[in-house]
Structures are given as structure tokens and as C-alpha cells.
Amino acid sequence: MDLTKQVEEALYQVIDPELGINIVDLGLVYKIDVNETNDVHVQMTLTTPGCPLHDSIVSGAEAMIYGVDEVNDVHVELVWHPAWSPEKMSSRAKEMLM
């Protein structure tokens, strides 16, 4: 499995504490880049810019990525464009909320 896919799989372990669903299925992870020295840059968002659990979600993502073998350095960047909406959720996440 390539390193980008391993990082994505690790991010499935990061659960949004308010919704109880992982950040990948919620559609919060927009982009994962891995460079030639295995530095990882993730662009992600939160359900709202004022999310009170911002620090715990970002630190959880960083911890899970650092846990992947071969990862050198990690940078998680919060982006607000495009804004998150429920349409970004996977069908599995939508089913969990119903």
C-alpha cells in the first residue's frame, strides 16, 4: 500500500467527538500530499470554523499520521474553502446519522 493510502487509512481512526464519525467519512479531509522525503501535508476542514474541538481533532490527525511507518514530518492545515457541507459525507456517514 502506498504511503498516501496508509495515511488515509490512519485518518479513519480520528473520530469527530461530537458526531462519533471518522473525519474521512465526514468529508473533512480534502487533500493528502506526501513528498519524496515522506513529509505529509494534509488539507482538511472542520464542520464549522468555530468548532470547539478544533485542537483535539487536529492533534488526533497528527498523532495518527505520525504513527504510520516511514512518515517523516506532518503538517495538518485547516482550510475553509470550500466550506464543509453534509454533501461531502460518505454514504456510510450519512447512514450513521440517520
Protein backbone atom coordinates (compact mmCIF):
# COMPACT_ATOMS: atom_id res chain seq x y z
CA MET A 1 0.00 0.00 0.00
CA ASP A 2 1.44 3.39 -0.90
CA LEU A 3 2.13 5.91 1.83
CA THR A 4 -0.71 8.25 0.83
CA LYS A 5 -3.21 5.41 1.19
CA GLN A 6 -1.67 4.40 4.54
CA VAL A 7 -2.10 7.97 5.79
CA GLU A 8 -5.72 8.00 4.63
CA GLU A 9 -6.35 4.69 6.40
CA ALA A 10 -4.82 6.11 9.59
CA LEU A 11 -7.14 9.12 9.42
CA TYR A 12 -10.14 6.79 9.56
CA GLN A 13 -9.15 6.34 13.22
CA VAL A 14 -9.72 10.03 14.01
CA ILE A 15 -13.27 10.41 15.27
CA ASP A 16 -15.17 13.69 15.44
CA PRO A 17 -16.16 13.66 19.13
CA GLU A 18 -19.44 15.49 18.57
CA LEU A 19 -20.71 13.26 15.77
CA GLY A 20 -18.91 9.98 16.54
CA ILE A 21 -17.88 9.53 12.90
CA ASN A 22 -14.37 9.47 11.48
CA ILE A 23 -13.06 12.56 9.72
CA VAL A 24 -12.58 10.81 6.37
CA ASP A 25 -16.20 9.63 6.11
CA LEU A 26 -17.35 13.05 7.29
CA GLY A 27 -15.60 14.54 4.26
CA LEU A 28 -13.31 16.72 6.36
CA VAL A 29 -10.09 15.54 4.67
CA TYR A 30 -9.66 17.39 1.38
CA LYS A 31 -6.13 16.51 0.28
CA ILE A 32 -3.18 14.33 1.32
CA ASP A 33 0.24 15.05 -0.17
CA VAL A 34 3.37 13.01 0.51
CA ASN A 35 6.67 14.31 -0.85
CA GLU A 36 9.84 12.43 -1.77
CA THR A 37 11.17 12.60 1.81
CA ASN A 38 7.90 11.22 3.22
CA ASP A 39 6.78 14.52 4.68
CA VAL A 40 2.97 14.56 4.83
CA HIS A 41 0.81 17.62 4.24
CA VAL A 42 -2.92 17.25 4.86
CA GLN A 43 -5.52 19.85 3.99
CA MET A 44 -8.68 19.41 5.97
CA THR A 45 -11.57 21.38 7.36
CA LEU A 46 -13.98 21.19 10.25
CA THR A 47 -17.75 21.15 10.23
CA THR A 48 -17.74 24.79 11.40
CA PRO A 49 -14.94 27.37 11.73
CA GLY A 50 -15.78 27.80 15.41
CA CYS A 51 -15.61 24.09 16.20
CA PRO A 52 -14.77 23.88 19.92
CA LEU A 53 -12.93 20.58 19.42
CA HIS A 54 -10.55 22.01 16.82
CA ASP A 55 -7.38 21.21 18.79
CA SER A 56 -8.35 17.65 19.63
CA ILE A 57 -9.28 16.78 16.03
CA VAL A 58 -6.11 18.29 14.55
CA SER A 59 -3.84 16.75 17.19
CA GLY A 60 -5.59 13.40 16.71
CA ALA A 61 -4.95 13.58 12.97
CA GLU A 62 -1.29 14.45 13.54
CA ALA A 63 -0.85 11.61 16.02
CA MET A 64 -2.40 9.03 13.69
CA ILE A 65 -0.26 10.18 10.75
CA TYR A 66 2.94 10.11 12.82
CA GLY A 67 2.00 6.53 13.72
CA VAL A 68 2.35 5.44 10.08
CA ASP A 69 5.70 3.78 9.35
CA GLU A 70 8.01 5.78 7.10
CA VAL A 71 6.32 9.14 7.77
CA ASN A 72 8.95 11.78 8.43
CA ASP A 73 7.18 15.06 9.20
CA VAL A 74 3.49 16.04 9.38
CA HIS A 75 1.69 19.30 8.69
CA VAL A 76 -2.09 19.46 9.05
CA GLU A 77 -3.52 22.62 7.51
CA LEU A 78 -7.05 23.75 8.22
CA VAL A 79 -8.74 25.28 5.18
CA TRP A 80 -12.16 26.87 4.98
CA HIS A 81 -12.65 26.93 1.21
CA PRO A 82 -14.52 25.08 0.03
CA ALA A 83 -16.71 25.18 3.09
CA TRP A 84 -17.77 21.82 4.51
CA SER A 85 -21.35 20.72 3.93
CA PRO A 86 -23.22 17.47 4.63
CA GLU A 87 -22.99 16.62 0.92
CA LYS A 88 -19.28 15.92 1.45
CA MET A 89 -20.04 12.99 3.76
CA SER A 90 -19.74 9.42 2.52
CA SER A 91 -22.91 7.38 2.20
CA ARG A 92 -21.75 5.38 5.24
CA ALA A 93 -21.54 8.56 7.35
CA LYS A 94 -24.94 9.73 6.16
CA GLU A 95 -26.45 6.37 7.16
CA MET A 96 -24.85 6.61 10.61
CA LEU A 97 -26.52 9.97 11.22
CA MET A 98 -29.98 8.80 10.20
